[in-house]
Amino acid sequence: MKTIKDESFEIQRHEDTPRVCFKGALRLSGAADYTPILDMLMEMLAGPQRPIILDLRDLEFLNSSGITMFSRFVIAARDRQEANLEFIASEKNPWHARSLKNLQRLMPELVVKLL
């Protein structure tokens, strides 16, 4: 398992499955600070094509730089026509539905599950 963490967040990529779990609050200051996270996500696009699942249920806060990072990842996935991307979100966090709906505009085949 690959982990990126700080005092306010933790991101875990499960090596045996194409799943990344986000927890806490992502308040990094800009695109450069999000580069390690984006790189981890991009690595998944380079591997065998199977559904990539981003689990945001425990992500309480994401700033605009984080939304930009997800947008860049979604655009990269869209450009790989065989990519299959799914976000799992929580109905408890109103920003999840709103932000993820905008990502679906970038990639209409993006699957969003609100639980």
C-alpha atoms as a PDB file:
ATOM      1  CA  MET A   1       0.000   0.000   0.000  1.00  0.00           C
ATOM      2  CA  LYS A   2       1.290   3.454  -0.883  1.00  0.00           C
ATOM      3  CA  THR A   3       0.415   6.258   1.539  1.00  0.00           C
ATOM      4  CA  ILE A   4       0.701  10.037   1.362  1.00  0.00           C
ATOM      5  CA  LYS A   5      -0.176  11.772   4.610  1.00  0.00           C
ATOM      6  CA  ASP A   6       0.112  14.937   6.591  1.00  0.00           C
ATOM      7  CA  GLU A   7      -1.337  16.052   9.904  1.00  0.00           C
ATOM      8  CA  SER A   8      -4.732  16.825   8.321  1.00  0.00           C
ATOM      9  CA  PHE A   9      -5.104  14.134   5.627  1.00  0.00           C
ATOM     10  CA  GLU A  10      -4.209  10.622   4.537  1.00  0.00           C
ATOM     11  CA  ILE A  11      -4.368   9.097   1.070  1.00  0.00           C
ATOM     12  CA  GLN A  12      -3.926   5.359   0.600  1.00  0.00           C
ATOM     13  CA  ARG A  13      -3.487   3.585  -2.702  1.00  0.00           C
ATOM     14  CA  HIS A  14      -4.137  -0.122  -2.478  1.00  0.00           C
ATOM     15  CA  GLU A  15      -1.564  -1.828  -4.703  1.00  0.00           C
ATOM     16  CA  ASP A  16      -3.619  -4.988  -5.289  1.00  0.00           C
ATOM     17  CA  THR A  17      -6.742  -3.100  -6.339  1.00  0.00           C
ATOM     18  CA  PRO A  18      -7.208   0.082  -8.378  1.00  0.00           C
ATOM     19  CA  ARG A  19      -8.587   1.968  -5.361  1.00  0.00           C
ATOM     20  CA  VAL A  20      -7.452   5.165  -3.639  1.00  0.00           C
ATOM     21  CA  CYS A  21      -9.002   6.256  -0.326  1.00  0.00           C
ATOM     22  CA  PHE A  22      -8.930   9.889   0.799  1.00  0.00           C
ATOM     23  CA  LYS A  23      -9.397  10.931   4.449  1.00  0.00           C
ATOM     24  CA  GLY A  24      -9.365  14.225   6.288  1.00  0.00           C
ATOM     25  CA  ALA A  25      -8.995  17.700   4.841  1.00  0.00           C
ATOM     26  CA  LEU A  26      -6.882  18.567   1.793  1.00  0.00           C
ATOM     27  CA  ARG A  27      -5.853  22.207   2.141  1.00  0.00           C
ATOM     28  CA  LEU A  28      -2.581  22.204   0.226  1.00  0.00           C
ATOM     29  CA  SER A  29      -1.488  25.588  -1.054  1.00  0.00           C
ATOM     30  CA  GLY A  30      -1.262  25.037  -4.807  1.00  0.00           C
ATOM     31  CA  ALA A  31      -0.724  22.775  -7.785  1.00  0.00           C
ATOM     32  CA  ALA A  32       2.895  22.035  -6.851  1.00  0.00           C
ATOM     33  CA  ASP A  33       1.842  20.730  -3.434  1.00  0.00           C
ATOM     34  CA  TYR A  34      -0.720  18.416  -5.070  1.00  0.00           C
ATOM     35  CA  THR A  35       1.872  16.963  -7.504  1.00  0.00           C
ATOM     36  CA  PRO A  36       2.678  13.824  -5.431  1.00  0.00           C
ATOM     37  CA  ILE A  37      -1.036  12.984  -5.211  1.00  0.00           C
ATOM     38  CA  LEU A  38      -1.621  13.622  -8.914  1.00  0.00           C
ATOM     39  CA  ASP A  39       1.447  11.530  -9.788  1.00  0.00           C
ATOM     40  CA  MET A  40       0.084   8.630  -7.726  1.00  0.00           C
ATOM     41  CA  LEU A  41      -3.244   8.851  -9.573  1.00  0.00           C
ATOM     42  CA  MET A  42      -1.569   9.124 -12.985  1.00  0.00           C
ATOM     43  CA  GLU A  43       0.424   5.941 -12.290  1.00  0.00           C
ATOM     44  CA  MET A  44      -2.883   4.098 -12.182  1.00  0.00           C
ATOM     45  CA  LEU A  45      -3.684   5.215 -15.735  1.00  0.00           C
ATOM     46  CA  ALA A  46      -0.409   3.732 -16.953  1.00  0.00           C
ATOM     47  CA  GLY A  47      -1.204   0.267 -15.607  1.00  0.00           C
ATOM     48  CA  PRO A  48      -3.602  -2.366 -16.871  1.00  0.00           C
ATOM     49  CA  GLN A  49      -6.959  -0.843 -17.665  1.00  0.00           C
ATOM     50  CA  ARG A  50      -9.525  -1.730 -15.055  1.00  0.00           C
ATOM     51  CA  PRO A  51     -11.938   0.500 -13.179  1.00  0.00           C
ATOM     52  CA  ILE A  52     -10.129   3.072 -11.038  1.00  0.00           C
ATOM     53  CA  ILE A  53     -12.016   3.882  -7.840  1.00  0.00           C
ATOM     54  CA  LEU A  54     -11.442   7.072  -5.866  1.00  0.00           C
ATOM     55  CA  ASP A  55     -13.148   6.811  -2.476  1.00  0.00           C
ATOM     56  CA  LEU A  56     -13.832  10.294  -1.094  1.00  0.00           C
ATOM     57  CA  ARG A  57     -16.357   9.321   1.585  1.00  0.00           C
ATOM     58  CA  ASP A  58     -13.983  10.307   4.399  1.00  0.00           C
ATOM     59  CA  LEU A  59     -12.663  13.446   2.690  1.00  0.00           C
ATOM     60  CA  GLU A  60     -14.234  16.281   4.642  1.00  0.00           C
ATOM     61  CA  PHE A  61     -12.714  19.226   2.793  1.00  0.00           C
ATOM     62  CA  LEU A  62     -11.046  19.867  -0.551  1.00  0.00           C
ATOM     63  CA  ASN A  63      -9.883  23.314  -1.637  1.00  0.00           C
ATOM     64  CA  SER A  64      -9.930  24.704  -5.169  1.00  0.00           C
ATOM     65  CA  SER A  65      -6.372  23.516  -5.875  1.00  0.00           C
ATOM     66  CA  GLY A  66      -7.496  19.987  -4.983  1.00  0.00           C
ATOM     67  CA  ILE A  67     -10.490  20.238  -7.302  1.00  0.00           C
ATOM     68  CA  THR A  68      -8.118  21.394 -10.043  1.00  0.00           C
ATOM     69  CA  MET A  69      -5.924  18.348  -9.360  1.00  0.00           C
ATOM     70  CA  PHE A  70      -8.932  16.017  -9.739  1.00  0.00           C
ATOM     71  CA  SER A  71      -9.934  17.868 -12.925  1.00  0.00           C
ATOM     72  CA  ARG A  72      -6.488  17.296 -14.425  1.00  0.00           C
ATOM     73  CA  PHE A  73      -6.710  13.599 -13.543  1.00  0.00           C
ATOM     74  CA  VAL A  74     -10.201  13.249 -15.031  1.00  0.00           C
ATOM     75  CA  ILE A  75      -9.076  14.946 -18.265  1.00  0.00           C
ATOM     76  CA  ALA A  76      -6.100  12.562 -18.489  1.00  0.00           C
ATOM     77  CA  ALA A  77      -8.428   9.590 -17.926  1.00  0.00           C
ATOM     78  CA  ARG A  78     -10.861  10.889 -20.548  1.00  0.00           C
ATOM     79  CA  ASP A  79      -8.048  11.167 -23.069  1.00  0.00           C
ATOM     80  CA  ARG A  80      -7.299   7.466 -22.557  1.00  0.00           C
ATOM     81  CA  GLN A  81     -10.436   6.154 -24.176  1.00  0.00           C
ATOM     82  CA  GLU A  82     -10.283   2.807 -22.401  1.00  0.00           C
ATOM     83  CA  ALA A  83     -10.084   4.385 -18.922  1.00  0.00           C
ATOM     84  CA  ASN A  84     -12.916   3.619 -16.524  1.00  0.00           C
ATOM     85  CA  LEU A  85     -13.166   5.997 -13.563  1.00  0.00           C
ATOM     86  CA  GLU A  86     -15.454   5.934 -10.524  1.00  0.00           C
ATOM     87  CA  PHE A  87     -15.762   8.330  -7.580  1.00  0.00           C
ATOM     88  CA  ILE A  88     -17.441   7.180  -4.382  1.00  0.00           C
ATOM     89  CA  ALA A  89     -18.685  10.120  -2.326  1.00  0.00           C
ATOM     90  CA  SER A  90     -20.765  10.849   0.741  1.00  0.00           C
ATOM     91  CA  GLU A  91     -24.160  12.500   0.856  1.00  0.00           C
ATOM     92  CA  LYS A  92     -23.071  13.962   4.221  1.00  0.00           C
ATOM     93  CA  ASN A  93     -20.676  16.360   2.476  1.00  0.00           C
ATOM     94  CA  PRO A  94     -22.681  18.693   0.210  1.00  0.00           C
ATOM     95  CA  TRP A  95     -19.585  19.740  -1.755  1.00  0.00           C
ATOM     96  CA  HIS A  96     -19.093  16.148  -2.963  1.00  0.00           C
ATOM     97  CA  ALA A  97     -22.149  16.083  -5.223  1.00  0.00           C
ATOM     98  CA  ARG A  98     -21.609  19.618  -6.470  1.00  0.00           C
ATOM     99  CA  SER A  99     -17.919  19.229  -7.305  1.00  0.00           C
ATOM    100  CA  LEU A 100     -18.205  15.741  -8.746  1.00  0.00           C
ATOM    101  CA  LYS A 101     -21.057  16.804 -11.002  1.00  0.00           C
ATOM    102  CA  ASN A 102     -18.668  19.347 -12.519  1.00  0.00           C
ATOM    103  CA  LEU A 103     -16.117  16.578 -13.102  1.00  0.00           C
ATOM    104  CA  GLN A 104     -18.787  14.606 -14.972  1.00  0.00           C
ATOM    105  CA  ARG A 105     -19.007  17.506 -17.414  1.00  0.00           C
ATOM    106  CA  LEU A 106     -15.346  16.869 -18.241  1.00  0.00           C
ATOM    107  CA  MET A 107     -15.893  13.111 -18.623  1.00  0.00           C
ATOM    108  CA  PRO A 108     -19.564  12.154 -19.121  1.00  0.00           C
ATOM    109  CA  GLU A 109     -18.822   8.439 -18.634  1.00  0.00           C
ATOM    110  CA  LEU A 110     -17.404   9.151 -15.153  1.00  0.00           C
ATOM    111  CA  VAL A 111     -19.362   7.192 -12.531  1.00  0.00           C
ATOM    112  CA  VAL A 112     -20.266   9.000  -9.304  1.00  0.00           C
ATOM    113  CA  LYS A 113     -21.811   7.035  -6.433  1.00  0.00           C
ATOM    114  CA  LEU A 114     -23.222   9.023  -3.525  1.00  0.00           C
ATOM    115  CA  LEU A 115     -23.573   6.829  -0.454  1.00  0.00           C
END
